[in-house]
């Protein structure tokens, strides 16, 4: 066997097989969850279409995982800056020219295929932040550097918020925090920055409600954010989704009504976005508390294995890339489940590997491919 063949073999032997198995398991569970949110199952054309799109995203995503794992992650760093510029151009184009659905312009239609660019922009932002901060890994202490990284993250976050998609903007913020922390920025300073940002946000909302000062947010977005404080007071409008989500989860009890069963809420379609934004509520209904905990366990283990890969990275670039991906997956899991349980304000964030959406599925599998690329090259290959 040639030296190149030996190198490839040694690299693939260094794969994190547990992480790969958990990722495939999550993808399969996601397909089952999407198919099982309605009692009619695959006989319902809408459910069949959702499963088809998810399966396509999963198959292409697995291919992207293999390709990105095979490519040395250092190669992407050379393209980080132009890819960040491409990110901004795509988000501007989506905002101005994107396909409108559900009151938002988040999709670009290419032929018969709809793509949600913000899902892939998360990875491009992680790449740029990792490349930007790599020279200072281990000595990342200055506020100026953190603010510069924050400015780079704020621009795409603002463009996504204008679509409007506040949930993805929050994920961008989580990516920034995770990347800075992975780079060695002190946790105490990060906590101070987060508290200041939250305080400024709350202050701006209070000032808007009391003195009508302008804020960069649509009125309905503000009402959706505030509705979680007292959803019963707005049960016929913005609190409806939260209330139905809680009822749907509660009706599943311990073991659920069963996949493909005619659960009351799912049968009558009381729960909006049952296979996407509120997929966790649908899971709680069909497989109960035990099944919902199993889903969180699998996703938690994926994040844990990702953090383990970050700790094993051979250099700063690898650690920052994986740290940003861990923050992305963890934030999306917490936001989606928290909203479904009524613990967090209403934001439309997909549950990784479970929510319906080909773009999200592809982006999540691709992210794991980058993690595997870093882990496979964690040590020098010896012959």
Protein backbone atom coordinates (compact mmCIF):
# COMPACT_ATOMS: atom_id res chain seq x y z
CA UNK A 1 0.00 0.00 0.00
CA UNK A 2 1.29 3.50 -0.83
CA UNK A 3 2.20 6.02 1.84
CA UNK A 4 -0.88 8.04 0.84
CA UNK A 5 -3.08 5.00 1.36
CA UNK A 6 -1.47 4.30 4.72
CA UNK A 7 -2.08 7.89 5.79
CA UNK A 8 -5.75 7.74 4.79
CA UNK A 9 -6.20 4.44 6.63
CA UNK A 10 -4.56 5.74 9.78
CA UNK A 11 -6.72 8.86 9.68
CA UNK A 12 -9.97 6.91 9.38
CA UNK A 13 -8.87 4.65 12.23
CA UNK A 14 -8.73 7.79 14.39
CA UNK A 15 -12.40 8.54 13.77
CA UNK A 16 -14.62 9.12 16.82
CA UNK A 17 -16.92 6.17 16.16
CA UNK A 18 -19.08 6.89 19.20
CA UNK A 19 -19.84 10.41 17.96
CA UNK A 20 -20.54 9.04 14.49
CA UNK A 21 -22.90 6.41 15.90
CA UNK A 22 -24.74 8.97 18.02
CA UNK A 23 -25.10 11.27 14.99
CA UNK A 24 -26.56 8.51 12.81
CA UNK A 25 -28.86 7.48 15.67
CA UNK A 26 -30.09 11.07 16.07
CA UNK A 27 -30.75 11.30 12.33
CA UNK A 28 -32.76 8.08 12.34
CA UNK A 29 -34.71 9.15 15.42
CA UNK A 30 -35.44 12.48 13.76
CA UNK A 31 -36.89 10.80 10.68
CA UNK A 32 -39.09 8.60 12.89
CA UNK A 33 -40.23 11.62 14.91
CA UNK A 34 -41.21 13.61 11.81
CA UNK A 35 -43.09 10.65 10.37
CA UNK A 36 -44.85 9.96 13.67
CA UNK A 37 -46.17 13.43 14.55
CA UNK A 38 -49.44 12.69 12.77
CA UNK A 39 -51.73 9.75 13.27
CA UNK A 40 -52.04 9.40 9.50
CA UNK A 41 -48.30 8.86 9.19
CA UNK A 42 -46.87 8.59 5.66
CA UNK A 43 -50.39 8.39 4.21
CA UNK A 44 -50.60 12.16 4.78
CA UNK A 45 -49.01 13.91 1.76
CA UNK A 46 -47.71 16.74 3.98
CA UNK A 47 -46.01 14.27 6.34
CA UNK A 48 -44.63 12.26 3.44
CA UNK A 49 -43.21 15.44 1.89
CA UNK A 50 -41.57 16.46 5.19
CA UNK A 51 -40.03 13.02 5.63
CA UNK A 52 -38.82 13.02 2.02
CA UNK A 53 -37.11 16.40 2.41
CA UNK A 54 -35.58 15.36 5.72
CA UNK A 55 -34.32 12.09 4.23
CA UNK A 56 -32.77 13.96 1.31
CA UNK A 57 -31.07 16.39 3.70
CA UNK A 58 -29.85 13.49 5.84
CA UNK A 59 -28.42 11.50 2.91
CA UNK A 60 -26.64 14.54 1.46
CA UNK A 61 -25.59 15.50 4.99
CA UNK A 62 -23.94 12.13 5.61
CA UNK A 63 -22.06 12.60 2.34
CA UNK A 64 -20.95 16.07 3.46
CA UNK A 65 -19.86 14.59 6.80
CA UNK A 66 -17.59 12.08 5.03
CA UNK A 67 -16.13 14.70 2.68
CA UNK A 68 -15.47 17.28 5.42
CA UNK A 69 -13.95 14.65 7.69
CA UNK A 70 -11.58 13.60 4.88
CA UNK A 71 -10.44 17.19 4.17
CA UNK A 72 -7.84 18.67 6.53
CA UNK A 73 -9.62 21.46 8.41
CA UNK A 74 -6.59 23.74 7.96
CA UNK A 75 -7.44 23.98 4.27
CA UNK A 76 -10.65 25.85 5.08
CA UNK A 77 -8.81 28.52 7.08
CA UNK A 78 -7.25 29.91 3.88
CA UNK A 79 -10.75 30.62 2.58
CA UNK A 80 -12.21 31.93 5.82
CA UNK A 81 -12.20 35.65 4.93
CA UNK A 82 -13.76 35.38 1.43
CA UNK A 83 -16.27 32.87 2.79
CA UNK A 84 -17.26 35.38 5.50
CA UNK A 85 -17.79 37.98 2.75
CA UNK A 86 -19.87 35.42 0.85
CA UNK A 87 -21.88 34.84 4.02
CA UNK A 88 -22.79 38.54 4.23
CA UNK A 89 -23.72 38.75 0.53
CA UNK A 90 -25.96 35.69 0.79
CA UNK A 91 -27.74 36.98 3.90
CA UNK A 92 -28.35 40.37 2.27
CA UNK A 93 -29.71 38.62 -0.82
CA UNK A 94 -31.96 36.42 1.32
CA UNK A 95 -33.28 39.42 3.23
CA UNK A 96 -34.04 41.42 0.10
CA UNK A 97 -34.88 38.72 -2.46
CA UNK A 98 -35.64 35.59 -0.46
CA UNK A 99 -38.79 33.50 -0.66
CA UNK A 100 -41.40 34.61 1.88
CA UNK A 101 -43.16 32.05 4.08
CA UNK A 102 -44.77 32.34 7.50
CA UNK A 103 -44.10 36.07 7.50
CA UNK A 104 -40.34 35.77 6.97
CA UNK A 105 -37.86 35.84 4.09
CA UNK A 106 -35.50 33.05 5.16
CA UNK A 107 -35.31 30.90 2.05
CA UNK A 108 -33.76 31.10 -1.41
CA UNK A 109 -35.42 29.04 -4.10
CA UNK A 110 -33.16 27.37 -6.68
CA UNK A 111 -35.38 25.57 -9.17
CA UNK A 112 -37.68 23.37 -7.10
CA UNK A 113 -35.35 23.37 -4.09
CA UNK A 114 -35.62 25.80 -1.18
CA UNK A 115 -32.46 26.49 0.82
CA UNK A 116 -32.24 28.28 4.15
CA UNK A 117 -28.84 30.03 3.94
CA UNK A 118 -28.70 31.00 7.61
CA UNK A 119 -28.20 27.33 8.55
CA UNK A 120 -24.95 27.16 6.55
CA UNK A 121 -23.91 30.66 7.60
CA UNK A 122 -23.56 29.38 11.16
CA UNK A 123 -20.68 27.17 10.00
CA UNK A 124 -19.09 29.95 7.96
CA UNK A 125 -19.22 32.26 10.98
CA UNK A 126 -17.58 29.59 13.14
CA UNK A 127 -14.82 29.20 10.52
CA UNK A 128 -14.14 32.93 10.35
CA UNK A 129 -14.15 33.47 14.12
CA UNK A 130 -11.87 30.47 14.64
CA UNK A 131 -9.42 31.73 12.01
CA UNK A 132 -9.54 35.27 13.41
CA UNK A 133 -8.87 34.20 17.01
CA UNK A 134 -6.38 31.37 16.41
CA UNK A 135 -3.24 33.58 16.70
CA UNK A 136 -4.27 34.54 20.24
CA UNK A 137 -5.41 31.16 21.56
CA UNK A 138 -4.21 30.72 25.13
CA UNK A 139 -3.60 34.42 25.63
CA UNK A 140 -6.98 35.78 24.63
CA UNK A 141 -7.53 38.36 27.34
CA UNK A 142 -8.12 41.75 25.76
CA UNK A 143 -11.60 43.21 25.49
CA UNK A 144 -10.63 44.77 22.15
CA UNK A 145 -10.20 41.35 20.57
CA UNK A 146 -13.49 40.11 22.01
CA UNK A 147 -15.29 43.22 20.76
CA UNK A 148 -13.80 42.78 17.29
CA UNK A 149 -15.04 39.19 17.19
CA UNK A 150 -18.39 40.42 18.49
CA UNK A 151 -18.63 42.95 15.67
CA UNK A 152 -17.98 40.25 13.08
CA UNK A 153 -20.72 38.10 14.64
CA UNK A 154 -23.14 41.01 15.07
CA UNK A 155 -23.34 41.84 11.35
CA UNK A 156 -24.74 38.47 10.19
CA UNK A 157 -26.84 38.27 13.35
CA UNK A 158 -28.46 41.60 12.46
CA UNK A 159 -29.09 40.53 8.87
CA UNK A 160 -30.74 37.33 10.08
CA UNK A 161 -32.82 39.27 12.62
CA UNK A 162 -34.09 41.45 9.77
CA UNK A 163 -35.47 38.40 7.89
CA UNK A 164 -36.87 38.24 10.67
CA UNK A 165 -35.32 35.27 12.53
CA UNK A 166 -34.48 36.20 16.09
CA UNK A 167 -33.82 32.61 17.14
CA UNK A 168 -30.93 32.11 14.70
CA UNK A 169 -29.49 35.46 15.81
CA UNK A 170 -29.35 34.10 19.34
CA UNK A 171 -27.54 31.01 18.05
CA UNK A 172 -24.96 33.31 16.42
CA UNK A 173 -24.46 34.92 19.83
CA UNK A 174 -23.97 31.49 21.41
CA UNK A 175 -21.39 30.64 18.72
CA UNK A 176 -19.48 33.82 19.57
CA UNK A 177 -19.51 32.99 23.28
CA UNK A 178 -18.47 29.38 22.70
CA UNK A 179 -15.63 30.33 20.37
CA UNK A 180 -14.28 32.99 22.72
CA UNK A 181 -14.40 30.58 25.66
CA UNK A 182 -12.66 27.85 23.65
CA UNK A 183 -9.97 30.40 22.78
CA UNK A 184 -9.25 31.05 26.43
CA UNK A 185 -11.18 34.26 27.06
CA UNK A 186 -11.86 34.35 30.82
CA UNK A 187 -15.25 32.90 31.76
CA UNK A 188 -15.86 35.67 34.30
CA UNK A 189 -15.44 38.36 31.66
CA UNK A 190 -17.70 36.47 29.30
CA UNK A 191 -20.36 36.24 32.02
CA UNK A 192 -20.09 40.00 32.59
CA UNK A 193 -20.45 40.68 28.86
CA UNK A 194 -23.51 38.40 28.60
CA UNK A 195 -25.16 40.00 31.62
CA UNK A 196 -24.50 43.47 30.21
CA UNK A 197 -25.96 42.47 26.84
CA UNK A 198 -29.05 40.96 28.47
CA UNK A 199 -29.41 44.02 30.69
CA UNK A 200 -29.22 46.36 27.71
CA UNK A 201 -31.78 44.28 25.87
CA UNK A 202 -34.21 44.24 28.78
CA UNK A 203 -33.66 47.97 29.31
CA UNK A 204 -34.39 48.70 25.66
CA UNK A 205 -37.62 46.68 25.82
CA UNK A 206 -38.73 48.44 29.02
CA UNK A 207 -37.93 51.83 27.50
CA UNK A 208 -39.93 50.91 24.40
CA UNK A 209 -42.94 49.78 26.40
CA UNK A 210 -42.90 52.77 28.74
CA UNK A 211 -41.68 55.64 26.57
CA UNK A 212 -42.15 54.18 23.05
CA UNK A 213 -38.47 54.44 22.22
CA UNK A 214 -37.67 52.59 18.98
CA UNK A 215 -36.05 49.14 19.07
CA UNK A 216 -34.86 46.96 16.14
CA UNK A 217 -37.73 44.51 16.51
CA UNK A 218 -41.16 44.03 14.96
CA UNK A 219 -44.14 44.44 17.25
CA UNK A 220 -45.23 40.83 16.90
CA UNK A 221 -41.70 39.64 17.73
CA UNK A 222 -41.79 41.62 20.95
CA UNK A 223 -45.19 40.22 21.86
CA UNK A 224 -43.98 36.68 21.19
CA UNK A 225 -41.01 37.23 23.48
CA UNK A 226 -43.18 38.64 26.25
CA UNK A 227 -45.97 36.10 25.92
CA UNK A 228 -44.05 33.39 27.79
CA UNK A 229 -44.33 35.46 31.00
CA UNK A 230 -48.10 35.05 30.99
CA UNK A 231 -49.29 33.03 27.99
CA UNK A 232 -52.81 32.72 29.42
CA UNK A 233 -53.28 36.48 29.09
CA UNK A 234 -52.76 36.23 25.33
CA UNK A 235 -54.05 32.69 24.85
CA UNK A 236 -55.89 33.56 21.64
CA UNK A 237 -52.87 35.16 19.96
CA UNK A 238 -49.18 35.00 20.85
CA UNK A 239 -49.58 32.68 23.83
CA UNK A 240 -51.49 30.08 21.81
CA UNK A 241 -48.41 28.19 20.61
CA UNK A 242 -46.85 28.00 24.06
CA UNK A 243 -50.08 26.79 25.67
CA UNK A 244 -50.67 24.15 23.01
CA UNK A 245 -47.06 23.02 23.27
CA UNK A 246 -47.35 22.50 27.02
CA UNK A 247 -50.67 20.68 26.65
CA UNK A 248 -49.23 18.47 23.90
CA UNK A 249 -46.24 17.48 26.04
CA UNK A 250 -48.38 16.93 29.13
CA UNK A 251 -50.85 14.70 27.29
CA UNK A 252 -48.02 12.31 26.45
CA UNK A 253 -47.52 11.48 30.15
CA UNK A 254 -44.79 8.94 30.91
CA UNK A 255 -44.71 6.71 27.82
CA UNK A 256 -46.62 8.74 25.23
CA UNK A 257 -49.52 8.03 22.93
CA UNK A 258 -47.28 6.09 20.55
CA UNK A 259 -45.74 6.93 17.19
CA UNK A 260 -48.38 7.23 14.44
CA UNK A 261 -51.14 7.28 17.05
CA UNK A 262 -54.10 9.64 16.79
CA UNK A 263 -53.07 11.90 19.66
CA UNK A 264 -55.67 14.61 20.30
CA UNK A 265 -53.46 17.62 19.67
CA UNK A 266 -51.66 16.16 16.69
CA UNK A 267 -54.80 14.71 15.11
CA UNK A 268 -56.61 18.04 15.17
CA UNK A 269 -53.48 20.01 14.32
CA UNK A 270 -53.83 22.27 17.36
CA UNK A 271 -50.04 22.54 17.65
CA UNK A 272 -48.50 24.82 15.00
CA UNK A 273 -45.22 23.75 13.36
CA UNK A 274 -45.51 20.32 14.98
CA UNK A 275 -42.66 18.81 12.98
CA UNK A 276 -40.27 21.77 13.03
CA UNK A 277 -40.18 24.49 15.71
CA UNK A 278 -42.29 22.41 18.12
CA UNK A 279 -40.96 18.96 17.26
CA UNK A 280 -39.92 18.47 20.90
CA UNK A 281 -43.53 18.91 22.01
CA UNK A 282 -44.63 16.36 19.40
CA UNK A 283 -41.97 13.94 20.64
CA UNK A 284 -43.19 14.42 24.21
CA UNK A 285 -46.71 13.59 23.05
CA UNK A 286 -45.90 10.50 21.01
CA UNK A 287 -43.18 8.87 23.13
CA UNK A 288 -43.80 10.58 26.47
CA UNK A 289 -41.46 11.80 29.17
CA UNK A 290 -39.17 8.77 28.74
CA UNK A 291 -38.82 9.30 25.00
CA UNK A 292 -38.27 13.05 25.34
CA UNK A 293 -35.53 12.39 27.91
CA UNK A 294 -33.96 9.87 25.52
CA UNK A 295 -33.86 12.53 22.79
CA UNK A 296 -32.20 15.04 25.12
CA UNK A 297 -29.76 12.34 26.25
CA UNK A 298 -28.68 11.56 22.68
CA UNK A 299 -28.24 15.25 21.84
CA UNK A 300 -26.45 15.85 25.15
CA UNK A 301 -24.06 12.99 24.41
CA UNK A 302 -23.36 14.45 20.96
CA UNK A 303 -22.44 17.80 22.55
CA UNK A 304 -20.33 16.00 25.17
CA UNK A 305 -18.41 14.00 22.57
CA UNK A 306 -17.93 17.20 20.57
CA UNK A 307 -16.43 18.90 23.63
CA UNK A 308 -14.20 15.86 24.11
CA UNK A 309 -12.97 16.30 20.54
CA UNK A 310 -12.30 19.98 21.29
CA UNK A 311 -10.13 19.03 24.25
CA UNK A 312 -8.19 16.57 22.08
CA UNK A 313 -7.53 19.03 19.23
CA UNK A 314 -3.86 19.34 18.32
CA UNK A 315 -3.97 23.12 17.76
CA UNK A 316 -5.92 26.28 18.47
CA UNK A 317 -7.75 26.37 15.14
CA UNK A 318 -9.18 22.90 15.71
CA UNK A 319 -10.23 23.70 19.27
CA UNK A 320 -11.97 26.90 18.21
CA UNK A 321 -13.80 25.23 15.33
CA UNK A 322 -15.11 22.43 17.52
CA UNK A 323 -15.90 24.79 20.39
CA UNK A 324 -18.07 26.91 18.13
CA UNK A 325 -19.87 23.84 16.79
CA UNK A 326 -20.51 22.53 20.32
CA UNK A 327 -21.98 25.91 21.27
CA UNK A 328 -24.17 25.89 18.15
CA UNK A 329 -25.60 22.42 18.79
CA UNK A 330 -26.02 22.98 22.53
CA UNK A 331 -27.72 26.36 22.12
CA UNK A 332 -30.18 25.04 19.53
CA UNK A 333 -31.08 22.10 21.75
CA UNK A 334 -31.66 24.28 24.81
CA UNK A 335 -33.61 26.94 22.91
CA UNK A 336 -35.90 24.48 21.12
CA UNK A 337 -36.67 22.37 24.20
CA UNK A 338 -36.91 25.43 26.46
CA UNK A 339 -39.47 27.09 24.20
CA UNK A 340 -41.54 23.90 23.91
CA UNK A 341 -41.62 23.59 27.70
CA UNK A 342 -42.56 27.26 28.16
CA UNK A 343 -39.29 28.01 29.95
CA UNK A 344 -37.92 30.41 27.33
CA UNK A 345 -39.42 33.11 25.10
CA UNK A 346 -40.85 31.96 21.79
CA UNK A 347 -38.13 31.72 19.12
CA UNK A 348 -38.06 29.57 16.01
CA UNK A 349 -34.93 27.45 16.46
CA UNK A 350 -34.75 23.90 15.04
CA UNK A 351 -33.89 20.93 17.25
CA UNK A 352 -30.65 19.50 15.79
CA UNK A 353 -31.20 16.35 13.68
CA UNK A 354 -34.91 16.25 14.63
CA UNK A 355 -36.71 19.32 13.29
CA UNK A 356 -37.98 19.09 9.74
CA UNK A 357 -35.77 20.96 7.30
CA UNK A 358 -33.28 19.72 4.73
CA UNK A 359 -30.94 22.71 5.14
CA UNK A 360 -30.72 22.24 8.91
CA UNK A 361 -30.10 18.50 8.57
CA UNK A 362 -27.35 19.05 6.00
CA UNK A 363 -25.69 21.78 8.09
CA UNK A 364 -25.74 19.66 11.27
CA UNK A 365 -24.18 16.61 9.61
CA UNK A 366 -21.59 18.86 7.95
CA UNK A 367 -20.73 20.32 11.35
CA UNK A 368 -20.05 16.83 12.71
CA UNK A 369 -17.84 16.24 9.67
CA UNK A 370 -15.69 19.22 10.70
CA UNK A 371 -15.51 17.87 14.26
CA UNK A 372 -14.35 14.50 12.92
CA UNK A 373 -11.74 16.20 10.74
CA UNK A 374 -10.27 17.85 13.83
CA UNK A 375 -10.41 14.68 15.92
CA UNK A 376 -8.89 12.45 13.22
CA UNK A 377 -5.86 14.77 13.06
CA UNK A 378 -5.44 15.20 16.80
CA UNK A 379 -1.99 13.63 16.73
CA UNK A 380 0.81 13.23 14.25
CA UNK A 381 0.46 10.11 12.14
CA UNK A 382 3.36 7.74 12.69
CA UNK A 383 4.56 5.08 10.22
